[in-house]
Amino acid sequence: MIIQEKALSLFNELKAKYGEDVTFTASHGWFNRFRARNNLHNVKVSGEAASADIRAAEEFPGKLAEVIHQGGYTPQQIFNMDETGLYWKRMPDRTYISTEKTMPGFKAAKDRLMLLLRGNASDDLKLKPLLVYTAENPRALKNIAKSSLPVVWKNDFHPNVKVVYLPLNTTSLIQPMDQGVIATFKKYLRHTFRQALKVTDETDMTLSEFWKSYNIYNAIININASWWEVTTTCMNAVWKKLCPQVVNDFTGFENIQKEQEVVVDNLISMSEKLELELQEQDFTEFFDDRDKDQMKNYENWRSRGGRSGNATKTFAN
């Protein structure tokens, strides 16, 4: 915030001096682009990034390359997967819908689910997300065959699949899915907003009524739409740090960042139509808070003796 305020102050001084008819907002998106262009990083970090094992992250790509060479695996056969938590029925905190949850008599929704996102290094195959939910047979899926869903409810590894675990504390440095795929996917809220706009425009249903009727099946449909919006460019580019030999025409992560900014801009526009009056910072805080919650749960799981769930897997011929 200090850097953004200083940038805006400098801009206003220059504009007053030269009198040019230009605008500048020093938004959070501008700051992210400025930081990325100049390769700036926070000195003090927390969570997994703070305990990242830089040496292990530097050594592992070579070890993985040897596994790939010995197995004769092609980029089409090399997959990465990572788990992520998703609050499928939450709004940014400043919305009146979010405030309703604190009212007396309101029953909190079991709105958190776990997803395992998976895709290969050649960017031509994204597997169905594996979904773990609190209820085995939710009412919203009554009379719906789970095999017809665009997600997998349970999954077993095939005996011909070789699983290679990434070293502990290297996710923030080399885990492909963590280099942009999950962040892009988590803008899934955009599909919920689109659905809300459509329903409130075409029917007499209010936004609050729509939100009360929104169920896990609706969430699954939006999860699928969000997953398939993650571009092939993104799916391939995120392998740069782990398997640079499989990346095609890498031009940096700027395109991924731009995709995320476009999504946030769309969310702001739709929130105005829904009369929610949300700004960029509301969505940034919303997604950051969800990531922090997941990291806290992950660290608790690790402290109980859990093993890293981040894996790269290669399929044998």
Protein backbone atom coordinates (compact mmCIF):
# COMPACT_ATOMS: atom_id res chain seq x y z
CA MET A 1 0.00 0.00 0.00
CA ILE A 2 2.89 2.35 0.75
CA ILE A 3 4.40 1.77 -2.70
CA GLN A 4 1.02 2.30 -4.39
CA GLU A 5 0.46 5.54 -2.47
CA LYS A 6 3.95 6.78 -3.33
CA ALA A 7 3.50 5.93 -7.01
CA LEU A 8 0.21 7.82 -7.09
CA SER A 9 1.83 10.80 -5.34
CA LEU A 10 4.66 10.89 -7.90
CA PHE A 11 2.15 10.65 -10.73
CA ASN A 12 0.09 13.58 -9.40
CA GLU A 13 3.25 15.71 -9.04
CA LEU A 14 4.33 14.98 -12.61
CA LYS A 15 0.84 15.54 -13.97
CA ALA A 16 0.61 18.91 -12.21
CA LYS A 17 4.02 19.87 -13.56
CA TYR A 18 3.52 18.83 -17.19
CA GLY A 19 -0.27 19.07 -17.43
CA GLU A 20 -0.77 15.95 -19.55
CA ASP A 21 -4.27 14.51 -19.84
CA VAL A 22 -3.57 10.98 -18.56
CA THR A 23 -4.92 8.85 -15.73
CA PHE A 24 -3.27 6.45 -13.31
CA THR A 25 -4.84 4.59 -10.37
CA ALA A 26 -1.88 2.72 -8.82
CA SER A 27 -4.14 -0.30 -8.39
CA HIS A 28 -3.22 -3.63 -6.84
CA GLY A 29 -3.00 -5.07 -10.36
CA TRP A 30 -0.51 -2.36 -11.36
CA PHE A 31 1.60 -3.14 -8.30
CA ASN A 32 1.68 -6.88 -9.13
CA ARG A 33 2.83 -6.12 -12.69
CA PHE A 34 5.44 -3.64 -11.39
CA ARG A 35 6.74 -6.24 -8.94
CA ALA A 36 6.87 -8.97 -11.60
CA ARG A 37 8.68 -6.78 -14.16
CA ASN A 38 11.35 -5.80 -11.64
CA ASN A 39 11.61 -9.22 -10.00
CA LEU A 40 10.83 -7.80 -6.55
CA HIS A 41 10.09 -10.07 -3.61
CA ASN A 42 9.05 -9.55 0.00
CA VAL A 43 11.91 -9.92 2.46
CA LYS A 44 9.57 -11.21 5.17
CA VAL A 45 7.26 -14.02 4.12
CA SER A 46 5.14 -16.54 5.97
CA GLY A 47 3.67 -19.98 5.50
CA GLU A 48 5.21 -22.45 3.07
CA ALA A 49 7.16 -19.79 1.19
CA ALA A 50 9.04 -18.90 4.39
CA SER A 51 10.23 -22.46 4.91
CA ALA A 52 10.90 -23.18 1.25
CA ASP A 53 13.89 -25.44 0.72
CA ILE A 54 15.73 -23.60 -2.04
CA ARG A 55 18.53 -26.16 -2.31
CA ALA A 56 16.11 -29.08 -2.67
CA ALA A 57 14.16 -27.13 -5.27
CA GLU A 58 17.35 -26.52 -7.26
CA GLU A 59 18.43 -30.18 -7.11
CA PHE A 60 15.11 -31.90 -7.77
CA PRO A 61 14.62 -30.94 -11.46
CA GLY A 62 17.84 -32.80 -12.30
CA LYS A 63 16.70 -35.88 -10.38
CA LEU A 64 13.32 -35.79 -12.12
CA ALA A 65 15.00 -35.42 -15.49
CA GLU A 66 16.91 -38.64 -14.75
CA VAL A 67 13.66 -40.44 -13.85
CA ILE A 68 12.13 -39.24 -17.12
CA HIS A 69 15.19 -40.32 -19.11
CA GLN A 70 15.35 -43.79 -17.54
CA GLY A 71 11.64 -44.37 -18.07
CA GLY A 72 11.63 -42.96 -21.59
CA TYR A 73 8.62 -40.79 -20.76
CA THR A 74 7.32 -38.18 -23.18
CA PRO A 75 5.81 -34.82 -22.13
CA GLN A 76 2.38 -36.31 -22.86
CA GLN A 77 3.04 -38.94 -20.17
CA ILE A 78 4.25 -36.60 -17.42
CA PHE A 79 1.52 -35.26 -15.14
CA ASN A 80 1.53 -32.96 -12.15
CA MET A 81 -1.17 -32.78 -9.51
CA ASP A 82 -1.84 -30.65 -6.45
CA GLU A 83 -4.71 -30.28 -4.02
CA THR A 84 -6.54 -27.03 -3.30
CA GLY A 85 -9.38 -26.06 -1.03
CA LEU A 86 -12.37 -24.27 -2.53
CA TYR A 87 -15.06 -22.36 -0.66
CA TRP A 88 -17.78 -22.88 -3.22
CA LYS A 89 -20.46 -20.85 -1.45
CA ARG A 90 -18.80 -17.74 -0.10
CA MET A 91 -18.82 -14.14 -1.20
CA PRO A 92 -16.31 -11.38 -0.46
CA ASP A 93 -16.80 -10.08 3.08
CA ARG A 94 -18.29 -6.69 2.15
CA THR A 95 -21.37 -8.13 0.41
CA TYR A 96 -24.68 -8.17 2.24
CA ILE A 97 -24.97 -11.87 1.36
CA SER A 98 -21.81 -12.58 3.34
CA THR A 99 -23.14 -10.49 6.24
CA GLU A 100 -26.29 -12.62 6.42
CA LYS A 101 -24.18 -15.52 7.70
CA THR A 102 -23.56 -13.66 10.97
CA MET A 103 -27.27 -13.10 11.67
CA PRO A 104 -29.01 -15.05 14.48
CA GLY A 105 -30.54 -18.30 13.33
CA PHE A 106 -28.42 -18.58 10.21
CA LYS A 107 -27.08 -22.09 9.68
CA ALA A 108 -23.55 -21.98 8.29
CA ALA A 109 -23.19 -23.83 5.00
CA LYS A 110 -20.68 -26.65 4.67
CA ASP A 111 -19.13 -24.74 1.82
CA ARG A 112 -15.61 -26.09 1.69
CA LEU A 113 -14.48 -28.88 -0.60
CA MET A 114 -11.11 -30.25 -1.68
CA LEU A 115 -10.03 -30.56 -5.29
CA LEU A 116 -7.10 -32.38 -6.85
CA LEU A 117 -6.14 -30.62 -10.11
CA ARG A 118 -4.13 -32.61 -12.65
CA GLY A 119 -2.65 -32.04 -16.09
CA ASN A 120 0.25 -33.13 -18.27
CA ALA A 121 3.41 -31.30 -19.30
CA SER A 122 2.53 -31.12 -23.00
CA ASP A 123 -0.62 -29.08 -22.16
CA ASP A 124 -2.91 -31.34 -24.22
CA LEU A 125 -4.63 -33.29 -21.43
CA LYS A 126 -6.34 -31.91 -18.34
CA LEU A 127 -7.83 -34.71 -16.26
CA LYS A 128 -11.14 -34.36 -14.45
CA PRO A 129 -10.64 -32.66 -11.08
CA LEU A 130 -10.94 -35.10 -8.16
CA LEU A 131 -13.44 -33.72 -5.65
CA VAL A 132 -13.72 -34.55 -1.94
CA TYR A 133 -16.87 -33.31 -0.20
CA THR A 134 -18.28 -33.66 3.31
CA ALA A 135 -21.34 -35.65 2.21
CA GLU A 136 -21.11 -38.83 0.15
CA ASN A 137 -24.57 -38.40 -1.40
CA PRO A 138 -25.69 -34.75 -1.16
CA ARG A 139 -29.35 -34.02 -1.85
CA ALA A 140 -28.44 -31.82 -4.82
CA LEU A 141 -27.08 -34.91 -6.63
CA LYS A 142 -30.18 -37.02 -6.12
CA ASN A 143 -31.02 -38.94 -9.32
CA ILE A 144 -27.74 -37.77 -10.91
CA ALA A 145 -25.19 -40.46 -11.77
CA LYS A 146 -21.82 -39.51 -10.32
CA SER A 147 -20.12 -41.04 -13.34
CA SER A 148 -21.76 -38.36 -15.47
CA LEU A 149 -20.28 -35.49 -13.46
CA PRO A 150 -17.31 -33.49 -14.79
CA VAL A 151 -15.40 -34.36 -11.60
CA VAL A 152 -14.18 -37.62 -10.05
CA TRP A 153 -15.51 -38.47 -6.58
CA LYS A 154 -12.92 -41.13 -5.84
CA ASN A 155 -9.83 -42.35 -7.61
CA ASP A 156 -7.16 -45.10 -7.35
CA PHE A 157 -3.72 -45.03 -8.96
CA HIS A 158 -3.20 -47.51 -11.74
CA PRO A 159 -0.36 -50.01 -11.07
CA ASN A 160 1.46 -48.77 -14.19
CA VAL A 161 1.66 -45.22 -12.81
CA LYS A 162 4.96 -44.13 -11.27
CA VAL A 163 4.48 -41.47 -8.58
CA VAL A 164 7.39 -39.15 -7.75
CA TYR A 165 6.88 -36.84 -4.74
CA LEU A 166 8.37 -33.38 -4.77
CA PRO A 167 10.73 -32.62 -1.86
CA LEU A 168 9.09 -31.13 1.22
CA ASN A 169 8.82 -27.33 1.35
CA THR A 170 9.37 -26.80 -2.38
CA THR A 171 5.77 -26.20 -3.52
CA SER A 172 6.08 -22.42 -3.73
CA LEU A 173 9.28 -22.76 -5.79
CA ILE A 174 8.80 -25.55 -8.34
CA GLN A 175 5.34 -27.16 -8.00
CA PRO A 176 3.83 -26.58 -11.50
CA MET A 177 0.19 -26.38 -10.40
CA ASP A 178 1.21 -23.80 -7.79
CA GLN A 179 2.95 -21.57 -10.36
CA GLY A 180 -0.27 -20.15 -11.79
CA VAL A 181 -2.78 -22.91 -12.55
CA ILE A 182 -4.50 -22.96 -9.14
CA ALA A 183 -4.51 -19.17 -8.90
CA THR A 184 -6.16 -18.93 -12.33
CA PHE A 185 -8.65 -21.67 -11.52
CA LYS A 186 -9.71 -20.06 -8.26
CA LYS A 187 -11.36 -17.20 -10.11
CA TYR A 188 -14.21 -19.69 -10.36
CA LEU A 189 -16.40 -17.08 -8.63
CA ARG A 190 -16.83 -15.42 -12.03
CA HIS A 191 -19.03 -18.28 -13.21
CA THR A 192 -21.17 -18.00 -10.10
CA PHE A 193 -21.66 -14.29 -10.78
CA ARG A 194 -22.60 -15.01 -14.40
CA GLN A 195 -25.18 -17.52 -13.25
CA ALA A 196 -26.56 -15.04 -10.70
CA LEU A 197 -26.88 -12.33 -13.36
CA LYS A 198 -28.70 -14.67 -15.72
CA VAL A 199 -31.17 -15.84 -13.08
CA THR A 200 -31.92 -12.40 -11.63
CA ASP A 201 -32.32 -10.88 -15.13
CA GLU A 202 -34.62 -13.59 -16.49
CA THR A 203 -36.72 -14.34 -13.40
CA ASP A 204 -38.20 -12.57 -10.36
CA MET A 205 -35.63 -14.22 -8.09
CA THR A 206 -33.52 -11.88 -5.95
CA LEU A 207 -29.80 -12.34 -5.49
CA SER A 208 -30.32 -13.54 -1.91
CA GLU A 209 -32.87 -16.11 -3.09
CA PHE A 210 -30.51 -17.29 -5.81
CA TRP A 211 -27.70 -17.68 -3.30
CA LYS A 212 -29.85 -19.72 -0.93
CA SER A 213 -30.74 -22.08 -3.78
CA TYR A 214 -27.14 -22.40 -5.00
CA ASN A 215 -26.02 -25.99 -4.26
CA ILE A 216 -23.08 -28.34 -4.69
CA TYR A 217 -24.26 -29.47 -8.13
CA ASN A 218 -24.24 -25.85 -9.36
CA ALA A 219 -20.75 -25.53 -7.90
CA ILE A 220 -19.56 -28.64 -9.77
CA ILE A 221 -20.78 -27.20 -13.07
CA ASN A 222 -18.91 -23.96 -12.38
CA ILE A 223 -15.79 -25.84 -11.27
CA ASN A 224 -15.76 -27.63 -14.61
CA ALA A 225 -16.20 -24.38 -16.55
CA SER A 226 -13.40 -22.71 -14.60
CA TRP A 227 -11.06 -25.68 -15.03
CA TRP A 228 -11.48 -25.70 -18.80
CA GLU A 229 -10.84 -21.97 -18.96
CA VAL A 230 -7.27 -22.51 -17.75
CA THR A 231 -5.42 -22.11 -21.04
CA THR A 232 -3.02 -24.57 -22.64
CA THR A 233 -0.38 -21.83 -22.57
CA CYS A 234 -0.71 -21.64 -18.81
CA MET A 235 -0.71 -25.44 -18.38
CA ASN A 236 2.56 -25.70 -20.31
CA ALA A 237 4.32 -22.57 -19.01
CA VAL A 238 4.04 -23.60 -15.34
CA TRP A 239 6.52 -26.47 -15.97
CA LYS A 240 9.36 -23.99 -16.65
CA LYS A 241 11.02 -24.39 -13.24
CA LEU A 242 10.56 -28.16 -12.87
CA CYS A 243 10.94 -29.48 -16.43
CA PRO A 244 12.15 -26.64 -18.68
CA GLN A 245 12.84 -29.14 -21.47
CA VAL A 246 9.10 -29.69 -22.05
CA VAL A 247 8.09 -26.01 -22.22
CA ASN A 248 7.21 -24.57 -25.62
CA ASP A 249 8.20 -20.96 -26.45
CA PHE A 250 8.25 -19.77 -22.84
CA THR A 251 7.66 -16.01 -22.65
CA GLY A 252 7.37 -15.63 -18.89
CA PHE A 253 4.38 -15.61 -16.58
CA GLU A 254 3.15 -12.21 -17.69
CA ASN A 255 0.37 -13.73 -19.80
CA ILE A 256 -0.84 -15.75 -16.81
CA GLN A 257 -0.87 -12.60 -14.70
CA LYS A 258 -2.83 -10.76 -17.39
CA GLU A 259 -5.39 -13.58 -17.55
CA GLN A 260 -5.93 -13.29 -13.80
CA GLU A 261 -6.32 -9.51 -14.01
CA VAL A 262 -8.92 -9.84 -16.77
CA VAL A 263 -10.91 -12.21 -14.55
CA VAL A 264 -10.85 -9.75 -11.64
CA ASP A 265 -11.95 -6.93 -13.98
CA ASN A 266 -14.88 -9.08 -15.11
CA LEU A 267 -15.81 -9.80 -11.50
CA ILE A 268 -15.82 -6.08 -10.69
CA SER A 269 -18.04 -5.35 -13.70
CA MET A 270 -20.51 -8.10 -12.80
CA SER A 271 -20.58 -7.07 -9.14
CA GLU A 272 -21.70 -3.60 -10.24
CA LYS A 273 -24.59 -5.12 -12.21
CA LEU A 274 -25.51 -7.18 -9.14
CA GLU A 275 -25.36 -3.97 -7.05
CA LEU A 276 -22.69 -5.40 -4.75
CA GLU A 277 -20.33 -2.39 -5.07
CA LEU A 278 -17.15 -4.46 -4.81
CA GLN A 279 -13.69 -3.27 -5.77
CA GLU A 280 -10.45 -4.95 -6.86
CA GLN A 281 -9.13 -5.13 -3.31
CA ASP A 282 -12.22 -7.03 -2.14
CA PHE A 283 -11.55 -9.85 -4.60
CA THR A 284 -7.80 -9.84 -3.93
CA GLU A 285 -8.42 -10.18 -0.19
CA PHE A 286 -11.10 -12.81 -0.83
CA PHE A 287 -8.79 -15.10 -2.79
CA ASP A 288 -5.80 -14.44 -0.52
CA ASP A 289 -7.86 -15.33 2.59
CA ARG A 290 -8.94 -18.64 1.07
CA ASP A 291 -5.31 -19.49 0.23
CA LYS A 292 -4.26 -18.68 3.79
CA ASP A 293 -7.01 -20.94 5.18
CA GLN A 294 -5.83 -23.81 3.01
CA MET A 295 -2.19 -23.30 4.01
CA LYS A 296 -3.19 -23.39 7.68
CA ASN A 297 -5.07 -26.68 7.18
CA TYR A 298 -2.14 -28.09 5.19
CA GLU A 299 0.35 -27.20 7.91
CA ASN A 300 -1.88 -28.77 10.58
CA TRP A 301 -2.10 -31.95 8.50
CA ARG A 302 1.68 -32.01 8.08
CA SER A 303 2.17 -31.56 11.84
CA ARG A 304 0.11 -34.71 12.40
CA GLY A 305 2.54 -36.72 10.28
CA GLY A 306 0.95 -36.31 6.85
CA ARG A 307 3.05 -36.64 3.73
CA SER A 308 3.28 -34.03 1.03
CA GLY A 309 0.37 -34.36 -1.38
CA ASN A 310 2.19 -32.59 -4.17
CA ALA A 311 3.24 -35.09 -6.78
CA THR A 312 4.47 -35.47 -10.28
CA LYS A 313 3.51 -38.73 -11.90
CA THR A 314 4.68 -40.42 -15.05
CA PHE A 315 2.74 -43.03 -16.95
CA ALA A 316 4.53 -46.14 -18.12
CA ASN A 317 3.97 -47.34 -21.66
